[in-house]
Amino acid sequence: MRAFQYLTVYTIPASVVVGAWLGGGWTFLTVALSYGLVPVIDRVIGVDSRNLDAAAEATAGRARVYRWLTWGMVPVLVALVIWATARVAGGRLSPLEILGLVLSTGIATGAAGITTAHELIHQRRFERGLAAVLLALVHYMHFAIEHVRGHHVQVGTPADPVTARPGEGFYAFLPRALVGSWRSAWHIEAERLARKGRGRWTWHNRMLRHAAVTLALHGLALALWGWAGAAFFLAQGAIAVLQLECINYVEHYGLYRREIAPGVYEPQGPRHSWNANHRFSNSSLFNLPRHADHHLHAGRRYQILRHVEGAPQLPDGYATMILLALVPPLWRRVMDPRAAAAMAG
């Protein structure tokens, strides 16, 4: 069954536990696998641009096992964060082991957690609730508001804080994305409340509820595990968010919608999102790299996302592209000609 290929997502949190159990430098196992081995596997296995036929797509779209795979990630990552935080707070780890566990846990709550949350926030209410749990683990609950009501509407325009401009390096993009996405979510929520005749400084404001949840979780971590546990909980979330924003940078770099009238932009199309069909990365990221189809059909579940003709293609899988983005001169050398060609087409 095709569903079993997506079990590779679960190897990410599993590798954190294995690395911590082995100890020492093995606590960096998730880092090594995610950003050392995965790029090699992507190159060896290659790409798959095939789409399901109509009958297979209909069958896959109805199969509940695909939903269970995303739902199951919630208890797995909640347990992982609790276990890792308690382990660090136990005081038996060396500084090297703590660093390795911070990075590895952050990769798990980012690559596996936020990716799963991204899938779930576009689905029904129950699943959006599960996404909120995953986003709470990384202190980034406003992502659910901004991504759906902000990014998906404004992508490719100057109003979108997470569309990387042509020539913009990642380190210039990052603070704008972090601050801009929070501001965007606040304005979206304020406008929603205004339409309902409610004030923004009330419990109806999801941004305020999110802040309360975040503060409560940090207070709980401090109460249960002290300053070491609270610092670990904060740090792993920061690594997860850094990974998310790096993916945001990669997904739309240099692609923009043309302004056809003052303040009016052309409709979204396939050429406004970078696509990737690397088989292993797609399986381990719930098909997130098939990003063009996701923007065209946001509610389409991951297992039936399609390769879209006309979408610009990344030269490699997400792991490689994230590493490249962290070195802006190399990134621009590789991506600027491709972005220019995509927009000229």
C-alpha atoms as a PDB file:
ATOM      1  CA  MET A   1       0.000   0.000   0.000  1.00  0.00           C
ATOM      2  CA  ARG A   2       1.281   3.472  -0.904  1.00  0.00           C
ATOM      3  CA  ALA A   3       0.517   4.686   2.605  1.00  0.00           C
ATOM      4  CA  PHE A   4       3.466   2.812   4.064  1.00  0.00           C
ATOM      5  CA  GLN A   5       5.942   4.999   2.212  1.00  0.00           C
ATOM      6  CA  TYR A   6       4.910   7.888   4.493  1.00  0.00           C
ATOM      7  CA  LEU A   7       6.009   5.963   7.568  1.00  0.00           C
ATOM      8  CA  THR A   8       9.445   7.417   6.781  1.00  0.00           C
ATOM      9  CA  VAL A   9       8.236  10.587   8.549  1.00  0.00           C
ATOM     10  CA  TYR A  10       8.322   8.653  11.800  1.00  0.00           C
ATOM     11  CA  THR A  11      12.017   7.841  11.384  1.00  0.00           C
ATOM     12  CA  ILE A  12      12.750  11.485  12.274  1.00  0.00           C
ATOM     13  CA  PRO A  13      11.510  11.381  15.901  1.00  0.00           C
ATOM     14  CA  ALA A  14      12.708   7.781  16.201  1.00  0.00           C
ATOM     15  CA  SER A  15      16.243   8.856  15.320  1.00  0.00           C
ATOM     16  CA  VAL A  16      16.189  11.382  18.194  1.00  0.00           C
ATOM     17  CA  VAL A  17      15.491   8.605  20.689  1.00  0.00           C
ATOM     18  CA  VAL A  18      18.104   6.281  19.199  1.00  0.00           C
ATOM     19  CA  GLY A  19      20.736   9.019  19.203  1.00  0.00           C
ATOM     20  CA  ALA A  20      20.008   9.984  22.802  1.00  0.00           C
ATOM     21  CA  TRP A  21      20.113   6.328  23.900  1.00  0.00           C
ATOM     22  CA  LEU A  22      23.537   5.841  22.277  1.00  0.00           C
ATOM     23  CA  GLY A  23      24.756   9.098  23.843  1.00  0.00           C
ATOM     24  CA  GLY A  24      27.779  11.243  23.094  1.00  0.00           C
ATOM     25  CA  GLY A  25      28.067  12.471  19.541  1.00  0.00           C
ATOM     26  CA  TRP A  26      25.224  10.140  18.570  1.00  0.00           C
ATOM     27  CA  THR A  27      22.800  12.770  19.903  1.00  0.00           C
ATOM     28  CA  PHE A  28      23.454  14.520  16.566  1.00  0.00           C
ATOM     29  CA  LEU A  29      22.092  11.482  14.698  1.00  0.00           C
ATOM     30  CA  THR A  30      18.937  13.263  13.502  1.00  0.00           C
ATOM     31  CA  VAL A  31      21.033  16.144  12.190  1.00  0.00           C
ATOM     32  CA  ALA A  32      23.317  13.759  10.309  1.00  0.00           C
ATOM     33  CA  LEU A  33      20.442  11.766   8.834  1.00  0.00           C
ATOM     34  CA  SER A  34      18.299  14.761   7.866  1.00  0.00           C
ATOM     35  CA  TYR A  35      21.018  16.927   6.354  1.00  0.00           C
ATOM     36  CA  GLY A  36      23.701  14.395   5.512  1.00  0.00           C
ATOM     37  CA  LEU A  37      22.049  11.165   4.423  1.00  0.00           C
ATOM     38  CA  VAL A  38      18.749  12.450   3.008  1.00  0.00           C
ATOM     39  CA  PRO A  39      20.416  14.600   0.296  1.00  0.00           C
ATOM     40  CA  VAL A  40      22.372  11.521  -0.820  1.00  0.00           C
ATOM     41  CA  ILE A  41      19.249   9.347  -0.864  1.00  0.00           C
ATOM     42  CA  ASP A  42      17.419  11.996  -2.889  1.00  0.00           C
ATOM     43  CA  ARG A  43      20.172  11.918  -5.481  1.00  0.00           C
ATOM     44  CA  VAL A  44      20.279   8.108  -5.605  1.00  0.00           C
ATOM     45  CA  ILE A  45      16.528   7.471  -5.715  1.00  0.00           C
ATOM     46  CA  GLY A  46      15.801  10.504  -7.895  1.00  0.00           C
ATOM     47  CA  VAL A  47      12.502  12.112  -8.782  1.00  0.00           C
ATOM     48  CA  ASP A  48       9.045  10.816  -9.574  1.00  0.00           C
ATOM     49  CA  SER A  49       6.803  13.182 -11.522  1.00  0.00           C
ATOM     50  CA  ARG A  50       3.995  10.689 -12.058  1.00  0.00           C
ATOM     51  CA  ASN A  51       0.485  11.414 -10.837  1.00  0.00           C
ATOM     52  CA  LEU A  52      -2.139   8.912  -9.760  1.00  0.00           C
ATOM     53  CA  ASP A  53      -4.798   8.051 -12.295  1.00  0.00           C
ATOM     54  CA  ALA A  54      -8.347   9.107 -11.495  1.00  0.00           C
ATOM     55  CA  ALA A  55      -9.380   5.785  -9.936  1.00  0.00           C
ATOM     56  CA  ALA A  56      -6.272   5.472  -7.754  1.00  0.00           C
ATOM     57  CA  GLU A  57      -6.580   9.082  -6.671  1.00  0.00           C
ATOM     58  CA  ALA A  58     -10.200   8.598  -5.631  1.00  0.00           C
ATOM     59  CA  THR A  59      -9.281   5.484  -3.641  1.00  0.00           C
ATOM     60  CA  ALA A  60      -6.322   7.159  -1.927  1.00  0.00           C
ATOM     61  CA  GLY A  61      -8.388  10.244  -1.158  1.00  0.00           C
ATOM     62  CA  ARG A  62     -10.933   8.130   0.771  1.00  0.00           C
ATOM     63  CA  ALA A  63      -8.467   5.888   2.603  1.00  0.00           C
ATOM     64  CA  ARG A  64      -8.401   6.759   6.301  1.00  0.00           C
ATOM     65  CA  VAL A  65      -4.935   5.354   6.880  1.00  0.00           C
ATOM     66  CA  TYR A  66      -3.412   8.516   5.404  1.00  0.00           C
ATOM     67  CA  ARG A  67      -5.218  10.601   8.012  1.00  0.00           C
ATOM     68  CA  TRP A  68      -4.176   8.258  10.794  1.00  0.00           C
ATOM     69  CA  LEU A  69      -0.535   8.733   9.800  1.00  0.00           C
ATOM     70  CA  THR A  70      -0.815  12.479  10.375  1.00  0.00           C
ATOM     71  CA  TRP A  71      -2.885  12.133  13.563  1.00  0.00           C
ATOM     72  CA  GLY A  72      -0.391   9.673  15.017  1.00  0.00           C
ATOM     73  CA  MET A  73       2.398  12.210  14.837  1.00  0.00           C
ATOM     74  CA  VAL A  74       0.749  14.284  17.589  1.00  0.00           C
ATOM     75  CA  PRO A  75       1.161  11.858  20.531  1.00  0.00           C
ATOM     76  CA  VAL A  76       4.571  10.792  19.220  1.00  0.00           C
ATOM     77  CA  LEU A  77       5.966  14.337  19.256  1.00  0.00           C
ATOM     78  CA  VAL A  78       4.267  15.344  22.506  1.00  0.00           C
ATOM     79  CA  ALA A  79       5.883  12.313  24.146  1.00  0.00           C
ATOM     80  CA  LEU A  80       9.222  13.080  22.494  1.00  0.00           C
ATOM     81  CA  VAL A  81       9.330  16.672  23.728  1.00  0.00           C
ATOM     82  CA  ILE A  82       8.350  15.665  27.272  1.00  0.00           C
ATOM     83  CA  TRP A  83      10.920  12.851  27.321  1.00  0.00           C
ATOM     84  CA  ALA A  84      13.731  14.984  25.852  1.00  0.00           C
ATOM     85  CA  THR A  85      13.020  17.904  28.182  1.00  0.00           C
ATOM     86  CA  ALA A  86      13.045  15.641  31.231  1.00  0.00           C
ATOM     87  CA  ARG A  87      16.257  14.000  30.040  1.00  0.00           C
ATOM     88  CA  VAL A  88      18.033  17.347  29.728  1.00  0.00           C
ATOM     89  CA  ALA A  89      16.674  18.512  33.079  1.00  0.00           C
ATOM     90  CA  GLY A  90      18.007  15.332  34.709  1.00  0.00           C
ATOM     91  CA  GLY A  91      21.472  16.881  34.685  1.00  0.00           C
ATOM     92  CA  ARG A  92      23.317  13.804  33.444  1.00  0.00           C
ATOM     93  CA  LEU A  93      24.057  14.995  29.896  1.00  0.00           C
ATOM     94  CA  SER A  94      27.230  16.711  28.767  1.00  0.00           C
ATOM     95  CA  PRO A  95      27.044  20.102  27.000  1.00  0.00           C
ATOM     96  CA  LEU A  96      27.733  18.311  23.707  1.00  0.00           C
ATOM     97  CA  GLU A  97      24.862  15.884  24.294  1.00  0.00           C
ATOM     98  CA  ILE A  98      22.503  18.704  25.236  1.00  0.00           C
ATOM     99  CA  LEU A  99      23.372  20.580  22.033  1.00  0.00           C
ATOM    100  CA  GLY A 100      22.839  17.452  19.967  1.00  0.00           C
ATOM    101  CA  LEU A 101      19.498  16.771  21.623  1.00  0.00           C
ATOM    102  CA  VAL A 102      18.351  20.371  21.143  1.00  0.00           C
ATOM    103  CA  LEU A 103      19.149  20.289  17.423  1.00  0.00           C
ATOM    104  CA  SER A 104      17.754  16.808  16.869  1.00  0.00           C
ATOM    105  CA  THR A 105      14.521  17.462  18.770  1.00  0.00           C
ATOM    106  CA  GLY A 106      14.070  20.777  16.958  1.00  0.00           C
ATOM    107  CA  ILE A 107      14.492  19.060  13.606  1.00  0.00           C
ATOM    108  CA  ALA A 108      11.871  16.499  14.643  1.00  0.00           C
ATOM    109  CA  THR A 109       9.326  19.064  15.870  1.00  0.00           C
ATOM    110  CA  GLY A 110      10.025  21.123  12.756  1.00  0.00           C
ATOM    111  CA  ALA A 111      10.422  18.651   9.892  1.00  0.00           C
ATOM    112  CA  ALA A 112       7.921  16.137  11.254  1.00  0.00           C
ATOM    113  CA  GLY A 113       5.814  18.360  13.516  1.00  0.00           C
ATOM    114  CA  ILE A 114       5.296  21.602  11.622  1.00  0.00           C
ATOM    115  CA  THR A 115       5.041  19.703   8.332  1.00  0.00           C
ATOM    116  CA  THR A 116       2.244  17.602   9.823  1.00  0.00           C
ATOM    117  CA  ALA A 117       0.598  20.708  11.288  1.00  0.00           C
ATOM    118  CA  HIS A 118       0.770  22.329   7.858  1.00  0.00           C
ATOM    119  CA  GLU A 119      -1.205  19.430   6.425  1.00  0.00           C
ATOM    120  CA  LEU A 120      -3.765  19.471   9.245  1.00  0.00           C
ATOM    121  CA  ILE A 121      -4.527  23.217   9.355  1.00  0.00           C
ATOM    122  CA  HIS A 122      -6.070  22.948   5.903  1.00  0.00           C
ATOM    123  CA  GLN A 123      -8.494  20.218   6.985  1.00  0.00           C
ATOM    124  CA  ARG A 124     -11.539  19.897   9.234  1.00  0.00           C
ATOM    125  CA  ARG A 125     -11.908  21.323  12.744  1.00  0.00           C
ATOM    126  CA  PHE A 126     -10.741  18.223  14.621  1.00  0.00           C
ATOM    127  CA  GLU A 127      -7.562  18.108  12.572  1.00  0.00           C
ATOM    128  CA  ARG A 128      -6.970  21.823  13.019  1.00  0.00           C
ATOM    129  CA  GLY A 129      -7.098  21.150  16.752  1.00  0.00           C
ATOM    130  CA  LEU A 130      -4.373  18.527  16.379  1.00  0.00           C
ATOM    131  CA  ALA A 131      -2.319  21.030  14.398  1.00  0.00           C
ATOM    132  CA  ALA A 132      -2.646  23.517  17.256  1.00  0.00           C
ATOM    133  CA  VAL A 133      -1.058  20.985  19.621  1.00  0.00           C
ATOM    134  CA  LEU A 134       1.929  20.524  17.316  1.00  0.00           C
ATOM    135  CA  LEU A 135       2.353  24.268  16.831  1.00  0.00           C
ATOM    136  CA  ALA A 136       2.139  24.832  20.595  1.00  0.00           C
ATOM    137  CA  LEU A 137       5.149  22.539  21.003  1.00  0.00           C
ATOM    138  CA  VAL A 138       7.236  25.036  18.992  1.00  0.00           C
ATOM    139  CA  HIS A 139       5.652  28.281  20.301  1.00  0.00           C
ATOM    140  CA  TYR A 140       4.303  29.195  16.832  1.00  0.00           C
ATOM    141  CA  MET A 141       0.540  28.852  17.033  1.00  0.00           C
ATOM    142  CA  HIS A 142      -0.139  32.002  14.998  1.00  0.00           C
ATOM    143  CA  PHE A 143       1.173  30.113  11.939  1.00  0.00           C
ATOM    144  CA  ALA A 144      -2.250  28.466  11.584  1.00  0.00           C
ATOM    145  CA  ILE A 145      -3.908  31.870  11.148  1.00  0.00           C
ATOM    146  CA  GLU A 146      -1.305  33.577   9.002  1.00  0.00           C
ATOM    147  CA  HIS A 147      -0.577  30.661   6.705  1.00  0.00           C
ATOM    148  CA  VAL A 148      -4.183  29.946   5.749  1.00  0.00           C
ATOM    149  CA  ARG A 149      -5.646  33.478   5.717  1.00  0.00           C
ATOM    150  CA  GLY A 150      -2.493  35.429   4.929  1.00  0.00           C
ATOM    151  CA  HIS A 151       0.129  33.520   2.982  1.00  0.00           C
ATOM    152  CA  HIS A 152      -2.286  31.592   0.774  1.00  0.00           C
ATOM    153  CA  VAL A 153      -4.019  34.825  -0.186  1.00  0.00           C
ATOM    154  CA  GLN A 154      -1.021  37.163  -0.517  1.00  0.00           C
ATOM    155  CA  VAL A 155       1.681  34.779  -1.777  1.00  0.00           C
ATOM    156  CA  GLY A 156       3.906  36.303  -4.422  1.00  0.00           C
ATOM    157  CA  THR A 157       2.988  39.890  -3.511  1.00  0.00           C
ATOM    158  CA  PRO A 158       4.796  42.500  -1.388  1.00  0.00           C
ATOM    159  CA  ALA A 159       2.111  42.010   1.286  1.00  0.00           C
ATOM    160  CA  ASP A 160       3.275  38.456   1.999  1.00  0.00           C
ATOM    161  CA  PRO A 161       6.059  38.434   4.612  1.00  0.00           C
ATOM    162  CA  VAL A 162       7.129  34.891   3.753  1.00  0.00           C
ATOM    163  CA  THR A 163       7.603  35.288   0.014  1.00  0.00           C
ATOM    164  CA  ALA A 164      11.334  35.811  -0.439  1.00  0.00           C
ATOM    165  CA  ARG A 165      12.115  38.665  -2.840  1.00  0.00           C
ATOM    166  CA  PRO A 166      14.462  38.219  -5.812  1.00  0.00           C
ATOM    167  CA  GLY A 167      18.026  38.592  -4.581  1.00  0.00           C
ATOM    168  CA  GLU A 168      17.036  38.551  -0.901  1.00  0.00           C
ATOM    169  CA  GLY A 169      19.351  36.453   1.271  1.00  0.00           C
ATOM    170  CA  PHE A 170      17.972  34.175   3.938  1.00  0.00           C
ATOM    171  CA  TYR A 171      19.411  36.227   6.800  1.00  0.00           C
ATOM    172  CA  ALA A 172      17.637  39.339   5.529  1.00  0.00           C
ATOM    173  CA  PHE A 173      14.441  37.356   4.950  1.00  0.00           C
ATOM    174  CA  LEU A 174      14.323  35.716   8.394  1.00  0.00           C
ATOM    175  CA  PRO A 175      13.579  38.731  10.652  1.00  0.00           C
ATOM    176  CA  ARG A 176      11.027  40.042   8.174  1.00  0.00           C
ATOM    177  CA  ALA A 177       9.305  36.654   8.077  1.00  0.00           C
ATOM    178  CA  LEU A 178       9.288  36.234  11.865  1.00  0.00           C
ATOM    179  CA  VAL A 179       7.955  39.692  12.666  1.00  0.00           C
ATOM    180  CA  GLY A 180       5.823  40.056   9.566  1.00  0.00           C
ATOM    181  CA  SER A 181       4.003  36.754   9.953  1.00  0.00           C
ATOM    182  CA  TRP A 182       3.092  37.602  13.562  1.00  0.00           C
ATOM    183  CA  ARG A 183       1.836  41.054  12.546  1.00  0.00           C
ATOM    184  CA  SER A 184      -0.102  39.575   9.657  1.00  0.00           C
ATOM    185  CA  ALA A 185      -1.797  37.044  11.954  1.00  0.00           C
ATOM    186  CA  TRP A 186      -2.702  39.802  14.437  1.00  0.00           C
ATOM    187  CA  HIS A 187      -4.280  41.971  11.712  1.00  0.00           C
ATOM    188  CA  ILE A 188      -6.157  39.011  10.239  1.00  0.00           C
ATOM    189  CA  GLU A 189      -7.570  38.168  13.645  1.00  0.00           C
ATOM    190  CA  ALA A 190      -8.439  41.802  14.430  1.00  0.00           C
ATOM    191  CA  GLU A 191     -10.323  42.091  11.128  1.00  0.00           C
ATOM    192  CA  ARG A 192     -12.188  38.831  11.808  1.00  0.00           C
ATOM    193  CA  LEU A 193     -13.304  40.081  15.212  1.00  0.00           C
ATOM    194  CA  ALA A 194     -14.310  43.467  13.815  1.00  0.00           C
ATOM    195  CA  ARG A 195     -16.595  41.759  11.290  1.00  0.00           C
ATOM    196  CA  LYS A 196     -18.269  39.985  14.212  1.00  0.00           C
ATOM    197  CA  GLY A 197     -18.596  43.215  16.178  1.00  0.00           C
ATOM    198  CA  ARG A 198     -16.112  42.112  18.835  1.00  0.00           C
ATOM    199  CA  GLY A 199     -13.104  43.895  20.256  1.00  0.00           C
ATOM    200  CA  ARG A 200      -9.608  42.590  19.763  1.00  0.00           C
ATOM    201  CA  TRP A 201      -8.729  42.621  23.478  1.00  0.00           C
ATOM    202  CA  THR A 202     -11.116  39.825  24.406  1.00  0.00           C
ATOM    203  CA  TRP A 203     -10.872  36.079  24.892  1.00  0.00           C
ATOM    204  CA  HIS A 204     -12.363  35.667  21.415  1.00  0.00           C
ATOM    205  CA  ASN A 205      -9.006  36.774  19.997  1.00  0.00           C
ATOM    206  CA  ARG A 206      -7.134  33.602  19.045  1.00  0.00           C
ATOM    207  CA  MET A 207      -3.818  35.443  19.159  1.00  0.00           C
ATOM    208  CA  LEU A 208      -4.356  36.201  22.833  1.00  0.00           C
ATOM    209  CA  ARG A 209      -5.400  32.612  23.516  1.00  0.00           C
ATOM    210  CA  HIS A 210      -2.303  31.386  21.707  1.00  0.00           C
ATOM    211  CA  ALA A 211      -0.118  33.661  23.814  1.00  0.00           C
ATOM    212  CA  ALA A 212      -1.774  32.340  26.970  1.00  0.00           C
ATOM    213  CA  VAL A 213      -1.162  28.726  25.922  1.00  0.00           C
ATOM    214  CA  THR A 214       2.469  29.478  25.116  1.00  0.00           C
ATOM    215  CA  LEU A 215       3.058  31.178  28.464  1.00  0.00           C
ATOM    216  CA  ALA A 216       1.294  28.357  30.288  1.00  0.00           C
ATOM    217  CA  LEU A 217       3.446  25.711  28.606  1.00  0.00           C
ATOM    218  CA  HIS A 218       6.637  27.575  29.419  1.00  0.00           C
ATOM    219  CA  GLY A 219       5.461  28.014  32.998  1.00  0.00           C
ATOM    220  CA  LEU A 220       4.697  24.311  33.208  1.00  0.00           C
ATOM    221  CA  ALA A 221       8.116  23.402  31.808  1.00  0.00           C
ATOM    222  CA  LEU A 222       9.741  25.679  34.382  1.00  0.00           C
ATOM    223  CA  ALA A 223       7.700  24.225  37.235  1.00  0.00           C
ATOM    224  CA  LEU A 224       8.334  20.601  36.272  1.00  0.00           C
ATOM    225  CA  TRP A 225      11.916  20.724  35.030  1.00  0.00           C
ATOM    226  CA  GLY A 226      13.438  23.997  36.207  1.00  0.00           C
ATOM    227  CA  TRP A 227      15.399  26.475  34.158  1.00  0.00           C
ATOM    228  CA  ALA A 228      17.297  23.785  32.246  1.00  0.00           C
ATOM    229  CA  GLY A 229      14.059  22.161  31.068  1.00  0.00           C
ATOM    230  CA  ALA A 230      12.421  25.495  30.232  1.00  0.00           C
ATOM    231  CA  ALA A 231      15.492  26.587  28.241  1.00  0.00           C
ATOM    232  CA  PHE A 232      15.525  23.305  26.325  1.00  0.00           C
ATOM    233  CA  PHE A 233      11.814  23.586  25.534  1.00  0.00           C
ATOM    234  CA  LEU A 234      12.361  27.110  24.198  1.00  0.00           C
ATOM    235  CA  ALA A 235      15.471  26.192  22.224  1.00  0.00           C
ATOM    236  CA  GLN A 236      14.051  23.162  20.415  1.00  0.00           C
ATOM    237  CA  GLY A 237      11.083  25.286  19.323  1.00  0.00           C
ATOM    238  CA  ALA A 238      13.431  27.949  18.001  1.00  0.00           C
ATOM    239  CA  ILE A 239      15.266  25.338  15.889  1.00  0.00           C
ATOM    240  CA  ALA A 240      11.929  24.089  14.544  1.00  0.00           C
ATOM    241  CA  VAL A 241      10.803  27.600  13.591  1.00  0.00           C
ATOM    242  CA  LEU A 242      14.156  28.377  11.968  1.00  0.00           C
ATOM    243  CA  GLN A 243      13.685  25.281   9.832  1.00  0.00           C
ATOM    244  CA  LEU A 244      10.123  26.302   8.941  1.00  0.00           C
ATOM    245  CA  GLU A 245      11.142  29.767   7.812  1.00  0.00           C
ATOM    246  CA  CYS A 246      14.001  28.332   5.798  1.00  0.00           C
ATOM    247  CA  ILE A 247      11.483  26.139   3.999  1.00  0.00           C
ATOM    248  CA  ASN A 248       9.246  29.172   3.461  1.00  0.00           C
ATOM    249  CA  TYR A 249      12.242  30.937   1.946  1.00  0.00           C
ATOM    250  CA  VAL A 250      12.924  28.046  -0.419  1.00  0.00           C
ATOM    251  CA  GLU A 251       9.318  27.518  -1.500  1.00  0.00           C
ATOM    252  CA  HIS A 252       8.729  30.889  -3.168  1.00  0.00           C
ATOM    253  CA  TYR A 253      12.131  32.530  -3.578  1.00  0.00           C
ATOM    254  CA  GLY A 254      12.216  35.061  -6.400  1.00  0.00           C
ATOM    255  CA  LEU A 255       8.725  34.194  -7.678  1.00  0.00           C
ATOM    256  CA  TYR A 256       6.173  36.981  -7.734  1.00  0.00           C
ATOM    257  CA  ARG A 257       2.764  37.844  -9.135  1.00  0.00           C
ATOM    258  CA  ARG A 258       2.783  40.742 -11.540  1.00  0.00           C
ATOM    259  CA  GLU A 259       0.857  43.876 -10.618  1.00  0.00           C
ATOM    260  CA  ILE A 260      -1.811  44.322 -13.298  1.00  0.00           C
ATOM    261  CA  ALA A 261      -3.375  47.434 -11.725  1.00  0.00           C
ATOM    262  CA  PRO A 262      -2.480  49.524  -8.671  1.00  0.00           C
ATOM    263  CA  GLY A 263      -2.671  47.090  -5.748  1.00  0.00           C
ATOM    264  CA  VAL A 264      -4.123  44.325  -7.938  1.00  0.00           C
ATOM    265  CA  TYR A 265      -2.016  41.287  -8.813  1.00  0.00           C
ATOM    266  CA  GLU A 266      -2.373  38.522 -11.333  1.00  0.00           C
ATOM    267  CA  PRO A 267      -4.031  35.330 -10.066  1.00  0.00           C
ATOM    268  CA  GLN A 268      -1.878  32.668  -8.452  1.00  0.00           C
ATOM    269  CA  GLY A 269      -0.572  30.077 -10.852  1.00  0.00           C
ATOM    270  CA  PRO A 270       1.821  27.127 -11.002  1.00  0.00           C
ATOM    271  CA  ARG A 271       4.832  29.348 -11.614  1.00  0.00           C
ATOM    272  CA  HIS A 272       4.512  31.115  -8.244  1.00  0.00           C
ATOM    273  CA  SER A 273       5.729  28.143  -6.155  1.00  0.00           C
ATOM    274  CA  TRP A 274       8.856  26.036  -6.407  1.00  0.00           C
ATOM    275  CA  ASN A 275       8.075  22.371  -6.850  1.00  0.00           C
ATOM    276  CA  ALA A 276      10.148  19.277  -6.097  1.00  0.00           C
ATOM    277  CA  ASN A 277       9.471  15.637  -6.912  1.00  0.00           C
ATOM    278  CA  HIS A 278      12.336  13.942  -5.072  1.00  0.00           C
ATOM    279  CA  ARG A 279      10.766  10.679  -3.990  1.00  0.00           C
ATOM    280  CA  PHE A 280      12.362  10.174  -0.601  1.00  0.00           C
ATOM    281  CA  SER A 281      11.999  13.773   0.602  1.00  0.00           C
ATOM    282  CA  ASN A 282       8.392  13.849  -0.518  1.00  0.00           C
ATOM    283  CA  SER A 283       7.606  10.657   1.375  1.00  0.00           C
ATOM    284  CA  SER A 284       9.284  11.931   4.546  1.00  0.00           C
ATOM    285  CA  LEU A 285       7.578  15.346   4.372  1.00  0.00           C
ATOM    286  CA  PHE A 286       3.983  14.340   3.527  1.00  0.00           C
ATOM    287  CA  ASN A 287       4.470  15.592  -0.052  1.00  0.00           C
ATOM    288  CA  LEU A 288       5.055  19.177   1.085  1.00  0.00           C
ATOM    289  CA  PRO A 289       7.542  19.717  -1.786  1.00  0.00           C
ATOM    290  CA  ARG A 290       4.694  19.295  -4.265  1.00  0.00           C
ATOM    291  CA  HIS A 291       4.001  22.851  -3.302  1.00  0.00           C
ATOM    292  CA  ALA A 292       2.562  24.263  -6.497  1.00  0.00           C
ATOM    293  CA  ASP A 293      -0.444  21.949  -6.379  1.00  0.00           C
ATOM    294  CA  HIS A 294      -0.890  22.712  -2.684  1.00  0.00           C
ATOM    295  CA  HIS A 295      -1.258  26.412  -3.484  1.00  0.00           C
ATOM    296  CA  LEU A 296      -3.675  25.696  -6.288  1.00  0.00           C
ATOM    297  CA  HIS A 297      -5.762  23.292  -4.160  1.00  0.00           C
ATOM    298  CA  ALA A 298      -5.020  24.021  -0.512  1.00  0.00           C
ATOM    299  CA  GLY A 299      -7.495  21.474   0.854  1.00  0.00           C
ATOM    300  CA  ARG A 300      -6.180  18.598  -1.245  1.00  0.00           C
ATOM    301  CA  ARG A 301      -4.717  15.959   1.048  1.00  0.00           C
ATOM    302  CA  TYR A 302      -1.038  15.166   0.840  1.00  0.00           C
ATOM    303  CA  GLN A 303      -1.389  11.685  -0.628  1.00  0.00           C
ATOM    304  CA  ILE A 304      -3.063  12.970  -3.797  1.00  0.00           C
ATOM    305  CA  LEU A 305      -1.060  16.133  -4.409  1.00  0.00           C
ATOM    306  CA  ARG A 306       0.013  16.278  -8.037  1.00  0.00           C
ATOM    307  CA  HIS A 307       2.992  17.251 -10.081  1.00  0.00           C
ATOM    308  CA  VAL A 308       1.896  20.363 -11.959  1.00  0.00           C
ATOM    309  CA  GLU A 309       3.259  21.085 -15.411  1.00  0.00           C
ATOM    310  CA  GLY A 310       4.575  24.621 -15.654  1.00  0.00           C
ATOM    311  CA  ALA A 311       5.687  24.848 -12.025  1.00  0.00           C
ATOM    312  CA  PRO A 312       9.363  25.747 -11.653  1.00  0.00           C
ATOM    313  CA  GLN A 313      11.399  22.843 -10.315  1.00  0.00           C
ATOM    314  CA  LEU A 314      13.982  22.961  -7.547  1.00  0.00           C
ATOM    315  CA  PRO A 315      17.314  21.410  -8.550  1.00  0.00           C
ATOM    316  CA  ASP A 316      17.399  19.219  -5.450  1.00  0.00           C
ATOM    317  CA  GLY A 317      15.340  18.084  -2.453  1.00  0.00           C
ATOM    318  CA  TYR A 318      14.429  20.280   0.504  1.00  0.00           C
ATOM    319  CA  ALA A 319      17.305  19.173   2.736  1.00  0.00           C
ATOM    320  CA  THR A 320      19.896  20.195   0.166  1.00  0.00           C
ATOM    321  CA  MET A 321      18.092  23.443  -0.627  1.00  0.00           C
ATOM    322  CA  ILE A 322      17.924  24.396   3.077  1.00  0.00           C
ATOM    323  CA  LEU A 323      21.672  23.894   3.413  1.00  0.00           C
ATOM    324  CA  LEU A 324      22.210  25.956   0.275  1.00  0.00           C
ATOM    325  CA  ALA A 325      19.966  28.755   1.576  1.00  0.00           C
ATOM    326  CA  LEU A 326      22.203  29.090   4.637  1.00  0.00           C
ATOM    327  CA  VAL A 327      25.057  30.159   2.331  1.00  0.00           C
ATOM    328  CA  PRO A 328      23.538  33.127   0.422  1.00  0.00           C
ATOM    329  CA  PRO A 329      26.263  33.517  -2.256  1.00  0.00           C
ATOM    330  CA  LEU A 330      25.914  29.864  -3.264  1.00  0.00           C
ATOM    331  CA  TRP A 331      22.132  30.077  -3.088  1.00  0.00           C
ATOM    332  CA  ARG A 332      22.016  33.074  -5.419  1.00  0.00           C
ATOM    333  CA  ARG A 333      24.427  31.468  -7.860  1.00  0.00           C
ATOM    334  CA  VAL A 334      22.171  28.426  -8.135  1.00  0.00           C
ATOM    335  CA  MET A 335      18.711  29.978  -7.802  1.00  0.00           C
ATOM    336  CA  ASP A 336      18.811  33.489  -9.289  1.00  0.00           C
ATOM    337  CA  PRO A 337      19.099  32.299 -12.903  1.00  0.00           C
ATOM    338  CA  ARG A 338      16.335  29.754 -12.319  1.00  0.00           C
ATOM    339  CA  ALA A 339      14.030  32.326 -10.711  1.00  0.00           C
ATOM    340  CA  ALA A 340      14.640  34.791 -13.550  1.00  0.00           C
ATOM    341  CA  ALA A 341      13.905  32.092 -16.125  1.00  0.00           C
ATOM    342  CA  ALA A 342      10.726  31.065 -14.272  1.00  0.00           C
ATOM    343  CA  MET A 343       9.402  34.624 -14.240  1.00  0.00           C
ATOM    344  CA  ALA A 344      10.378  35.259 -17.864  1.00  0.00           C
ATOM    345  CA  GLY A 345       8.451  32.213 -19.083  1.00  0.00           C
END
